[in-house]
């Protein structure tokens, strides 16, 4: 026998849970706790929403089939009653009456159940949330998309966890008609421009700051940051309004997945602009301090 025929047949389990579970086991993470959180919070959520989607789809398809079929049969049965009674079977009028009554009742009831339990809305939302979670997961595992700048899965772990929680929170808000949005009654966190600037200030720029009186340097930096802070806050508020408008639109899965990344992309763009402006801010402060000390 040849070597190929002697090889055992490979059994491949293509279920999403098994695929992802095996991938998570191979990720280079600092602790088993992080690995367990990925399985308990991310993978379990995908499996749960997949289960909800399939369960809702079953009832949605049944009721939609009844409504569609009944809507076709009812006019056909009623049109038969317009024929010459002599050409119709005996008691045909009673048969058509009860048949049309039964079909009408089934169509009305099925349509009512669709509206009462929001089966169509829930099915589409579960399907959309499931695909968003899966897309986010594959981008994280492959370190692609928004995670392409991260060098390891551990480095991208917090950003990934935040994205998963955002997707989950939005779905909860939809399920409970916005009652899950606990942040609406809280004061919105103000964008701290000073903290963002200092956090993103490159080390080489920090080294350029001379050993001058600390209070003079801090005052100069604060004055420059206050000039820009109002403009940044205005842009962030407009960004929140834009995101709210996009989230309220009925959009398909591909567009929704793209919209889900808009805030991260635009926020990252603002941070990049802050980094570029940091060099000019420090240079000007240093120049002012040098002129004052001469």
C-alpha atoms as a PDB file:
ATOM      1  CA  UNK A   1       0.000   0.000   0.000  1.00  0.00           C
ATOM      2  CA  UNK A   2       1.171   3.545  -0.662  1.00  0.00           C
ATOM      3  CA  UNK A   3       2.027   5.989   2.097  1.00  0.00           C
ATOM      4  CA  UNK A   4      -0.978   8.151   1.268  1.00  0.00           C
ATOM      5  CA  UNK A   5      -3.451   5.319   1.740  1.00  0.00           C
ATOM      6  CA  UNK A   6      -1.885   4.420   5.099  1.00  0.00           C
ATOM      7  CA  UNK A   7      -2.342   7.920   6.526  1.00  0.00           C
ATOM      8  CA  UNK A   8      -5.293   8.286   8.900  1.00  0.00           C
ATOM      9  CA  UNK A   9      -8.167  10.385   7.648  1.00  0.00           C
ATOM     10  CA  UNK A  10      -8.181  13.849   9.192  1.00  0.00           C
ATOM     11  CA  UNK A  11     -11.363  14.792  10.956  1.00  0.00           C
ATOM     12  CA  UNK A  12     -12.033  18.485  10.861  1.00  0.00           C
ATOM     13  CA  UNK A  13     -14.650  20.019  13.130  1.00  0.00           C
ATOM     14  CA  UNK A  14     -15.767  23.178  11.382  1.00  0.00           C
ATOM     15  CA  UNK A  15     -18.032  24.465  14.145  1.00  0.00           C
ATOM     16  CA  UNK A  16     -17.188  28.032  15.100  1.00  0.00           C
ATOM     17  CA  UNK A  17     -16.908  27.253  18.823  1.00  0.00           C
ATOM     18  CA  UNK A  18     -14.320  24.517  18.306  1.00  0.00           C
ATOM     19  CA  UNK A  19     -12.328  26.550  15.803  1.00  0.00           C
ATOM     20  CA  UNK A  20     -12.096  29.592  18.053  1.00  0.00           C
ATOM     21  CA  UNK A  21     -11.535  27.546  21.210  1.00  0.00           C
ATOM     22  CA  UNK A  22      -8.462  25.943  19.600  1.00  0.00           C
ATOM     23  CA  UNK A  23      -7.201  29.340  18.423  1.00  0.00           C
ATOM     24  CA  UNK A  24      -7.595  30.917  21.869  1.00  0.00           C
ATOM     25  CA  UNK A  25      -5.563  28.088  23.391  1.00  0.00           C
ATOM     26  CA  UNK A  26      -2.622  29.017  21.140  1.00  0.00           C
ATOM     27  CA  UNK A  27      -2.661  32.803  21.766  1.00  0.00           C
ATOM     28  CA  UNK A  28       0.392  34.298  23.479  1.00  0.00           C
ATOM     29  CA  UNK A  29      -1.231  35.889  26.534  1.00  0.00           C
ATOM     30  CA  UNK A  30       0.346  36.836  29.848  1.00  0.00           C
ATOM     31  CA  UNK A  31      -2.097  34.925  32.038  1.00  0.00           C
ATOM     32  CA  UNK A  32      -4.624  32.126  31.895  1.00  0.00           C
ATOM     33  CA  UNK A  33      -7.154  34.575  33.305  1.00  0.00           C
ATOM     34  CA  UNK A  34      -7.107  36.578  30.071  1.00  0.00           C
ATOM     35  CA  UNK A  35      -7.501  33.362  28.090  1.00  0.00           C
ATOM     36  CA  UNK A  36     -10.433  32.309  30.259  1.00  0.00           C
ATOM     37  CA  UNK A  37     -12.099  35.702  29.825  1.00  0.00           C
ATOM     38  CA  UNK A  38     -11.882  35.354  26.045  1.00  0.00           C
ATOM     39  CA  UNK A  39     -13.665  32.014  26.256  1.00  0.00           C
ATOM     40  CA  UNK A  40     -16.211  33.021  28.890  1.00  0.00           C
ATOM     41  CA  UNK A  41     -17.044  36.487  27.622  1.00  0.00           C
ATOM     42  CA  UNK A  42     -16.298  36.545  23.903  1.00  0.00           C
ATOM     43  CA  UNK A  43     -16.773  32.971  22.699  1.00  0.00           C
ATOM     44  CA  UNK A  44     -19.784  32.293  24.913  1.00  0.00           C
ATOM     45  CA  UNK A  45     -21.474  35.488  23.698  1.00  0.00           C
ATOM     46  CA  UNK A  46     -20.993  34.499  20.061  1.00  0.00           C
ATOM     47  CA  UNK A  47     -22.413  31.019  20.737  1.00  0.00           C
ATOM     48  CA  UNK A  48     -25.352  32.473  22.682  1.00  0.00           C
ATOM     49  CA  UNK A  49     -26.293  35.007  19.995  1.00  0.00           C
ATOM     50  CA  UNK A  50     -25.889  32.325  17.335  1.00  0.00           C
ATOM     51  CA  UNK A  51     -28.335  30.146  19.297  1.00  0.00           C
ATOM     52  CA  UNK A  52     -30.798  33.029  19.657  1.00  0.00           C
ATOM     53  CA  UNK A  53     -30.513  33.819  15.966  1.00  0.00           C
ATOM     54  CA  UNK A  54     -31.264  30.248  14.896  1.00  0.00           C
ATOM     55  CA  UNK A  55     -34.141  29.888  17.357  1.00  0.00           C
ATOM     56  CA  UNK A  56     -35.720  33.171  16.259  1.00  0.00           C
ATOM     57  CA  UNK A  57     -35.134  32.329  12.603  1.00  0.00           C
ATOM     58  CA  UNK A  58     -37.105  29.075  12.986  1.00  0.00           C
ATOM     59  CA  UNK A  59     -40.244  30.814  14.225  1.00  0.00           C
ATOM     60  CA  UNK A  60     -39.729  33.739  11.874  1.00  0.00           C
ATOM     61  CA  UNK A  61     -39.576  31.420   8.852  1.00  0.00           C
ATOM     62  CA  UNK A  62     -42.667  29.455   9.974  1.00  0.00           C
ATOM     63  CA  UNK A  63     -44.863  32.514  10.465  1.00  0.00           C
ATOM     64  CA  UNK A  64     -43.582  34.208   7.328  1.00  0.00           C
ATOM     65  CA  UNK A  65     -44.295  31.043   5.335  1.00  0.00           C
ATOM     66  CA  UNK A  66     -47.878  30.959   6.650  1.00  0.00           C
ATOM     67  CA  UNK A  67     -48.420  34.645   5.867  1.00  0.00           C
ATOM     68  CA  UNK A  68     -46.974  34.379   2.352  1.00  0.00           C
ATOM     69  CA  UNK A  69     -48.719  31.117   1.459  1.00  0.00           C
ATOM     70  CA  UNK A  70     -52.044  32.233   2.918  1.00  0.00           C
ATOM     71  CA  UNK A  71     -51.876  35.544   1.062  1.00  0.00           C
ATOM     72  CA  UNK A  72     -51.512  33.587  -2.194  1.00  0.00           C
ATOM     73  CA  UNK A  73     -54.181  30.946  -1.513  1.00  0.00           C
ATOM     74  CA  UNK A  74     -56.887  33.232  -0.130  1.00  0.00           C
ATOM     75  CA  UNK A  75     -57.517  35.265  -3.331  1.00  0.00           C
ATOM     76  CA  UNK A  76     -57.374  32.053  -5.371  1.00  0.00           C
ATOM     77  CA  UNK A  77     -60.059  30.365  -3.227  1.00  0.00           C
ATOM     78  CA  UNK A  78     -62.271  33.433  -3.239  1.00  0.00           C
ATOM     79  CA  UNK A  79     -62.008  33.722  -7.031  1.00  0.00           C
ATOM     80  CA  UNK A  80     -63.331  30.163  -7.408  1.00  0.00           C
ATOM     81  CA  UNK A  81     -66.552  31.270  -5.749  1.00  0.00           C
ATOM     82  CA  UNK A  82     -67.237  33.544  -8.719  1.00  0.00           C
ATOM     83  CA  UNK A  83     -67.675  30.581 -11.058  1.00  0.00           C
ATOM     84  CA  UNK A  84     -71.025  29.202 -12.169  1.00  0.00           C
ATOM     85  CA  UNK A  85     -72.522  27.312  -9.161  1.00  0.00           C
ATOM     86  CA  UNK A  86     -73.742  24.582 -11.504  1.00  0.00           C
ATOM     87  CA  UNK A  87     -70.194  23.730 -12.442  1.00  0.00           C
ATOM     88  CA  UNK A  88     -68.974  23.555  -8.862  1.00  0.00           C
ATOM     89  CA  UNK A  89     -69.115  20.492  -6.562  1.00  0.00           C
ATOM     90  CA  UNK A  90     -71.895  20.148  -4.007  1.00  0.00           C
ATOM     91  CA  UNK A  91     -71.472  22.235  -0.842  1.00  0.00           C
ATOM     92  CA  UNK A  92     -68.510  23.938  -2.464  1.00  0.00           C
ATOM     93  CA  UNK A  93     -69.639  27.298  -1.113  1.00  0.00           C
ATOM     94  CA  UNK A  94     -69.413  26.010   2.474  1.00  0.00           C
ATOM     95  CA  UNK A  95     -66.000  24.508   1.833  1.00  0.00           C
ATOM     96  CA  UNK A  96     -64.654  27.744   0.388  1.00  0.00           C
ATOM     97  CA  UNK A  97     -66.202  29.759   3.222  1.00  0.00           C
ATOM     98  CA  UNK A  98     -64.564  27.752   5.992  1.00  0.00           C
ATOM     99  CA  UNK A  99     -61.320  27.392   4.049  1.00  0.00           C
ATOM    100  CA  UNK A 100     -61.058  31.140   3.487  1.00  0.00           C
ATOM    101  CA  UNK A 101     -62.026  31.808   7.130  1.00  0.00           C
ATOM    102  CA  UNK A 102     -59.340  29.413   8.380  1.00  0.00           C
ATOM    103  CA  UNK A 103     -56.649  30.822   6.081  1.00  0.00           C
ATOM    104  CA  UNK A 104     -57.568  34.391   7.016  1.00  0.00           C
ATOM    105  CA  UNK A 105     -57.357  33.525  10.706  1.00  0.00           C
ATOM    106  CA  UNK A 106     -53.969  31.829  10.285  1.00  0.00           C
ATOM    107  CA  UNK A 107     -52.554  34.721   8.263  1.00  0.00           C
ATOM    108  CA  UNK A 108     -53.802  37.310  10.741  1.00  0.00           C
ATOM    109  CA  UNK A 109     -52.576  35.339  13.749  1.00  0.00           C
ATOM    110  CA  UNK A 110     -49.152  34.673  12.213  1.00  0.00           C
ATOM    111  CA  UNK A 111     -48.698  38.297  11.273  1.00  0.00           C
ATOM    112  CA  UNK A 112     -49.790  39.292  14.776  1.00  0.00           C
ATOM    113  CA  UNK A 113     -47.235  36.970  16.366  1.00  0.00           C
ATOM    114  CA  UNK A 114     -44.535  38.414  14.131  1.00  0.00           C
ATOM    115  CA  UNK A 115     -45.359  41.904  15.352  1.00  0.00           C
ATOM    116  CA  UNK A 116     -46.009  40.952  18.989  1.00  0.00           C
ATOM    117  CA  UNK A 117     -42.689  39.192  19.529  1.00  0.00           C
ATOM    118  CA  UNK A 118     -40.772  41.391  17.042  1.00  0.00           C
ATOM    119  CA  UNK A 119     -39.427  38.247  15.402  1.00  0.00           C
ATOM    120  CA  UNK A 120     -38.257  40.016  12.270  1.00  0.00           C
ATOM    121  CA  UNK A 121     -36.468  42.764  14.201  1.00  0.00           C
ATOM    122  CA  UNK A 122     -34.909  40.360  16.704  1.00  0.00           C
ATOM    123  CA  UNK A 123     -33.753  37.973  13.991  1.00  0.00           C
ATOM    124  CA  UNK A 124     -31.956  40.707  12.056  1.00  0.00           C
ATOM    125  CA  UNK A 125     -30.427  42.210  15.211  1.00  0.00           C
ATOM    126  CA  UNK A 126     -29.196  38.834  16.487  1.00  0.00           C
ATOM    127  CA  UNK A 127     -27.737  38.033  13.082  1.00  0.00           C
ATOM    128  CA  UNK A 128     -26.043  41.445  12.860  1.00  0.00           C
ATOM    129  CA  UNK A 129     -24.613  41.212  16.390  1.00  0.00           C
ATOM    130  CA  UNK A 130     -23.339  37.689  15.755  1.00  0.00           C
ATOM    131  CA  UNK A 131     -21.525  38.727  12.598  1.00  0.00           C
ATOM    132  CA  UNK A 132     -20.085  41.833  14.272  1.00  0.00           C
ATOM    133  CA  UNK A 133     -18.687  39.720  17.116  1.00  0.00           C
ATOM    134  CA  UNK A 134     -17.245  37.178  14.690  1.00  0.00           C
ATOM    135  CA  UNK A 135     -15.673  39.873  12.517  1.00  0.00           C
ATOM    136  CA  UNK A 136     -14.157  41.556  15.572  1.00  0.00           C
ATOM    137  CA  UNK A 137     -12.824  38.213  16.772  1.00  0.00           C
ATOM    138  CA  UNK A 138     -11.189  37.277  13.474  1.00  0.00           C
ATOM    139  CA  UNK A 139      -9.548  40.697  13.202  1.00  0.00           C
ATOM    140  CA  UNK A 140      -8.110  40.235  16.689  1.00  0.00           C
ATOM    141  CA  UNK A 141      -6.879  36.693  16.046  1.00  0.00           C
ATOM    142  CA  UNK A 142      -5.227  37.755  12.772  1.00  0.00           C
ATOM    143  CA  UNK A 143      -4.028  41.125  14.153  1.00  0.00           C
ATOM    144  CA  UNK A 144      -5.585  42.816  11.155  1.00  0.00           C
ATOM    145  CA  UNK A 145      -7.912  45.764  10.664  1.00  0.00           C
ATOM    146  CA  UNK A 146      -7.867  48.019  13.711  1.00  0.00           C
ATOM    147  CA  UNK A 147      -5.329  45.706  15.409  1.00  0.00           C
ATOM    148  CA  UNK A 148      -2.742  45.692  12.618  1.00  0.00           C
ATOM    149  CA  UNK A 149      -0.491  48.131  14.500  1.00  0.00           C
ATOM    150  CA  UNK A 150      -0.347  45.890  17.579  1.00  0.00           C
ATOM    151  CA  UNK A 151       2.657  43.612  17.807  1.00  0.00           C
ATOM    152  CA  UNK A 152       1.026  40.887  19.907  1.00  0.00           C
ATOM    153  CA  UNK A 153      -2.351  39.614  21.029  1.00  0.00           C
ATOM    154  CA  UNK A 154      -1.576  40.714  24.570  1.00  0.00           C
ATOM    155  CA  UNK A 155      -1.007  44.289  23.401  1.00  0.00           C
ATOM    156  CA  UNK A 156      -4.343  44.291  21.547  1.00  0.00           C
ATOM    157  CA  UNK A 157      -6.193  42.493  24.356  1.00  0.00           C
ATOM    158  CA  UNK A 158      -7.650  45.568  26.101  1.00  0.00           C
ATOM    159  CA  UNK A 159      -8.763  47.234  22.867  1.00  0.00           C
ATOM    160  CA  UNK A 160     -10.424  44.003  21.767  1.00  0.00           C
ATOM    161  CA  UNK A 161     -12.198  43.572  25.110  1.00  0.00           C
ATOM    162  CA  UNK A 162     -13.480  47.154  24.891  1.00  0.00           C
ATOM    163  CA  UNK A 163     -14.834  46.588  21.377  1.00  0.00           C
ATOM    164  CA  UNK A 164     -16.640  43.414  22.454  1.00  0.00           C
ATOM    165  CA  UNK A 165     -18.235  45.181  25.410  1.00  0.00           C
ATOM    166  CA  UNK A 166     -19.377  48.040  23.146  1.00  0.00           C
ATOM    167  CA  UNK A 167     -21.055  45.608  20.751  1.00  0.00           C
ATOM    168  CA  UNK A 168     -22.703  43.805  23.669  1.00  0.00           C
ATOM    169  CA  UNK A 169     -23.874  47.069  25.258  1.00  0.00           C
ATOM    170  CA  UNK A 170     -25.439  48.315  22.031  1.00  0.00           C
ATOM    171  CA  UNK A 171     -27.322  45.030  21.596  1.00  0.00           C
ATOM    172  CA  UNK A 172     -28.644  45.196  25.175  1.00  0.00           C
ATOM    173  CA  UNK A 173     -29.845  48.750  24.576  1.00  0.00           C
ATOM    174  CA  UNK A 174     -31.720  47.595  21.456  1.00  0.00           C
ATOM    175  CA  UNK A 175     -33.309  44.634  23.264  1.00  0.00           C
ATOM    176  CA  UNK A 176     -34.611  46.802  26.087  1.00  0.00           C
ATOM    177  CA  UNK A 177     -35.600  49.782  23.953  1.00  0.00           C
ATOM    178  CA  UNK A 178     -32.779  52.005  25.123  1.00  0.00           C
ATOM    179  CA  UNK A 179     -33.314  51.369  28.835  1.00  0.00           C
ATOM    180  CA  UNK A 180     -29.911  49.770  29.012  1.00  0.00           C
ATOM    181  CA  UNK A 181     -28.212  53.061  28.141  1.00  0.00           C
ATOM    182  CA  UNK A 182     -27.293  54.042  31.676  1.00  0.00           C
ATOM    183  CA  UNK A 183     -24.880  56.670  30.411  1.00  0.00           C
ATOM    184  CA  UNK A 184     -27.625  58.987  29.175  1.00  0.00           C
ATOM    185  CA  UNK A 185     -28.472  60.103  32.707  1.00  0.00           C
ATOM    186  CA  UNK A 186     -24.847  60.660  33.619  1.00  0.00           C
ATOM    187  CA  UNK A 187     -22.753  63.665  32.833  1.00  0.00           C
ATOM    188  CA  UNK A 188     -20.688  63.015  29.774  1.00  0.00           C
ATOM    189  CA  UNK A 189     -17.003  62.688  30.464  1.00  0.00           C
ATOM    190  CA  UNK A 190     -15.180  65.761  29.264  1.00  0.00           C
ATOM    191  CA  UNK A 191     -12.382  65.188  26.796  1.00  0.00           C
ATOM    192  CA  UNK A 192      -9.184  65.864  28.745  1.00  0.00           C
ATOM    193  CA  UNK A 193      -6.944  67.414  26.149  1.00  0.00           C
ATOM    194  CA  UNK A 194      -4.060  67.969  28.555  1.00  0.00           C
ATOM    195  CA  UNK A 195      -4.008  64.350  29.668  1.00  0.00           C
ATOM    196  CA  UNK A 196      -4.209  63.111  26.063  1.00  0.00           C
ATOM    197  CA  UNK A 197      -1.396  65.423  25.012  1.00  0.00           C
ATOM    198  CA  UNK A 198       0.943  64.345  27.804  1.00  0.00           C
ATOM    199  CA  UNK A 199       0.056  60.690  27.265  1.00  0.00           C
ATOM    200  CA  UNK A 200       0.860  60.838  23.551  1.00  0.00           C
ATOM    201  CA  UNK A 201       3.877  63.134  23.853  1.00  0.00           C
ATOM    202  CA  UNK A 202       6.886  61.222  22.443  1.00  0.00           C
ATOM    203  CA  UNK A 203       9.807  60.655  24.787  1.00  0.00           C
ATOM    204  CA  UNK A 204      12.208  62.498  22.507  1.00  0.00           C
ATOM    205  CA  UNK A 205      10.094  65.666  22.834  1.00  0.00           C
ATOM    206  CA  UNK A 206      10.022  65.349  26.608  1.00  0.00           C
ATOM    207  CA  UNK A 207      13.839  65.223  26.600  1.00  0.00           C
ATOM    208  CA  UNK A 208      13.950  68.521  24.674  1.00  0.00           C
ATOM    209  CA  UNK A 209      12.379  70.389  27.566  1.00  0.00           C
ATOM    210  CA  UNK A 210      15.270  72.152  29.370  1.00  0.00           C
ATOM    211  CA  UNK A 211      15.826  72.216  33.091  1.00  0.00           C
ATOM    212  CA  UNK A 212      13.913  75.473  33.587  1.00  0.00           C
ATOM    213  CA  UNK A 213      11.588  76.426  36.415  1.00  0.00           C
ATOM    214  CA  UNK A 214       8.847  73.823  36.332  1.00  0.00           C
ATOM    215  CA  UNK A 215       6.056  76.303  36.988  1.00  0.00           C
ATOM    216  CA  UNK A 216       6.979  78.413  33.938  1.00  0.00           C
ATOM    217  CA  UNK A 217       6.977  75.405  31.625  1.00  0.00           C
ATOM    218  CA  UNK A 218       3.685  74.039  32.980  1.00  0.00           C
ATOM    219  CA  UNK A 219       2.059  77.475  32.654  1.00  0.00           C
ATOM    220  CA  UNK A 220       3.192  77.833  29.058  1.00  0.00           C
ATOM    221  CA  UNK A 221       1.986  74.340  28.125  1.00  0.00           C
ATOM    222  CA  UNK A 222      -1.338  74.888  29.890  1.00  0.00           C
ATOM    223  CA  UNK A 223      -1.971  78.141  28.062  1.00  0.00           C
ATOM    224  CA  UNK A 224      -1.277  76.575  24.691  1.00  0.00           C
ATOM    225  CA  UNK A 225      -3.445  73.546  25.441  1.00  0.00           C
ATOM    226  CA  UNK A 226      -6.361  75.693  26.583  1.00  0.00           C
ATOM    227  CA  UNK A 227      -6.359  77.437  23.209  1.00  0.00           C
ATOM    228  CA  UNK A 228      -6.876  74.129  21.404  1.00  0.00           C
ATOM    229  CA  UNK A 229      -9.038  72.325  23.952  1.00  0.00           C
ATOM    230  CA  UNK A 230     -12.241  74.116  22.945  1.00  0.00           C
ATOM    231  CA  UNK A 231     -11.804  73.130  19.291  1.00  0.00           C
ATOM    232  CA  UNK A 232     -11.099  69.498  20.192  1.00  0.00           C
ATOM    233  CA  UNK A 233     -14.185  69.303  22.457  1.00  0.00           C
ATOM    234  CA  UNK A 234     -16.336  70.729  19.682  1.00  0.00           C
ATOM    235  CA  UNK A 235     -15.090  68.100  17.217  1.00  0.00           C
ATOM    236  CA  UNK A 236     -15.653  65.288  19.720  1.00  0.00           C
ATOM    237  CA  UNK A 237     -19.238  66.464  20.340  1.00  0.00           C
ATOM    238  CA  UNK A 238     -19.896  66.521  16.606  1.00  0.00           C
ATOM    239  CA  UNK A 239     -18.405  63.027  16.381  1.00  0.00           C
ATOM    240  CA  UNK A 240     -20.844  61.777  19.063  1.00  0.00           C
ATOM    241  CA  UNK A 241     -23.781  63.291  17.172  1.00  0.00           C
ATOM    242  CA  UNK A 242     -22.605  61.688  13.919  1.00  0.00           C
ATOM    243  CA  UNK A 243     -22.234  58.276  15.556  1.00  0.00           C
ATOM    244  CA  UNK A 244     -25.719  58.543  17.076  1.00  0.00           C
ATOM    245  CA  UNK A 245     -27.230  59.345  13.675  1.00  0.00           C
ATOM    246  CA  UNK A 246     -25.446  56.411  12.041  1.00  0.00           C
ATOM    247  CA  UNK A 247     -26.437  53.940  14.753  1.00  0.00           C
ATOM    248  CA  UNK A 248     -30.131  54.870  14.399  1.00  0.00           C
ATOM    249  CA  UNK A 249     -30.116  54.068  10.675  1.00  0.00           C
ATOM    250  CA  UNK A 250     -31.249  50.695   9.312  1.00  0.00           C
ATOM    251  CA  UNK A 251     -28.015  49.452   7.784  1.00  0.00           C
ATOM    252  CA  UNK A 252     -26.786  46.112   6.547  1.00  0.00           C
ATOM    253  CA  UNK A 253     -24.095  43.969   8.170  1.00  0.00           C
ATOM    254  CA  UNK A 254     -21.135  45.209   6.112  1.00  0.00           C
ATOM    255  CA  UNK A 255     -21.962  48.888   6.623  1.00  0.00           C
ATOM    256  CA  UNK A 256     -22.711  48.338  10.315  1.00  0.00           C
ATOM    257  CA  UNK A 257     -19.353  46.638  10.807  1.00  0.00           C
ATOM    258  CA  UNK A 258     -17.697  49.646   9.182  1.00  0.00           C
ATOM    259  CA  UNK A 259     -19.723  52.120  11.270  1.00  0.00           C
ATOM    260  CA  UNK A 260     -18.677  50.223  14.390  1.00  0.00           C
ATOM    261  CA  UNK A 261     -15.064  51.265  13.678  1.00  0.00           C
ATOM    262  CA  UNK A 262     -15.747  54.941  12.832  1.00  0.00           C
ATOM    263  CA  UNK A 263     -15.250  56.244  16.368  1.00  0.00           C
ATOM    264  CA  UNK A 264     -11.944  54.389  16.814  1.00  0.00           C
ATOM    265  CA  UNK A 265     -10.695  55.584  13.434  1.00  0.00           C
ATOM    266  CA  UNK A 266     -11.647  59.230  13.950  1.00  0.00           C
ATOM    267  CA  UNK A 267     -10.436  59.263  17.551  1.00  0.00           C
ATOM    268  CA  UNK A 268      -7.138  57.780  16.405  1.00  0.00           C
ATOM    269  CA  UNK A 269      -6.928  60.499  13.764  1.00  0.00           C
ATOM    270  CA  UNK A 270      -7.419  63.183  16.416  1.00  0.00           C
ATOM    271  CA  UNK A 271      -4.700  61.607  18.561  1.00  0.00           C
ATOM    272  CA  UNK A 272      -2.319  61.637  15.606  1.00  0.00           C
ATOM    273  CA  UNK A 273      -3.040  65.336  15.112  1.00  0.00           C
ATOM    274  CA  UNK A 274      -2.346  65.915  18.807  1.00  0.00           C
ATOM    275  CA  UNK A 275       1.024  64.163  18.465  1.00  0.00           C
ATOM    276  CA  UNK A 276       1.933  66.365  15.501  1.00  0.00           C
ATOM    277  CA  UNK A 277       0.864  69.491  17.362  1.00  0.00           C
ATOM    278  CA  UNK A 278       2.809  68.457  20.472  1.00  0.00           C
ATOM    279  CA  UNK A 279       6.158  69.202  18.845  1.00  0.00           C
ATOM    280  CA  UNK A 280       5.081  72.734  17.919  1.00  0.00           C
ATOM    281  CA  UNK A 281       3.656  73.341  21.402  1.00  0.00           C
ATOM    282  CA  UNK A 282       6.837  72.242  23.189  1.00  0.00           C
ATOM    283  CA  UNK A 283       9.092  74.198  20.808  1.00  0.00           C
ATOM    284  CA  UNK A 284       7.124  77.375  21.375  1.00  0.00           C
ATOM    285  CA  UNK A 285       7.082  76.930  25.151  1.00  0.00           C
ATOM    286  CA  UNK A 286      10.827  76.296  25.195  1.00  0.00           C
ATOM    287  CA  UNK A 287      11.400  79.393  23.062  1.00  0.00           C
ATOM    288  CA  UNK A 288       9.276  81.553  25.397  1.00  0.00           C
ATOM    289  CA  UNK A 289      11.057  80.233  28.486  1.00  0.00           C
ATOM    290  CA  UNK A 290      14.476  80.831  26.896  1.00  0.00           C
ATOM    291  CA  UNK A 291      13.516  84.404  26.007  1.00  0.00           C
ATOM    292  CA  UNK A 292      12.250  85.078  29.535  1.00  0.00           C
ATOM    293  CA  UNK A 293      15.413  83.747  31.164  1.00  0.00           C
ATOM    294  CA  UNK A 294      17.908  85.604  29.003  1.00  0.00           C
END
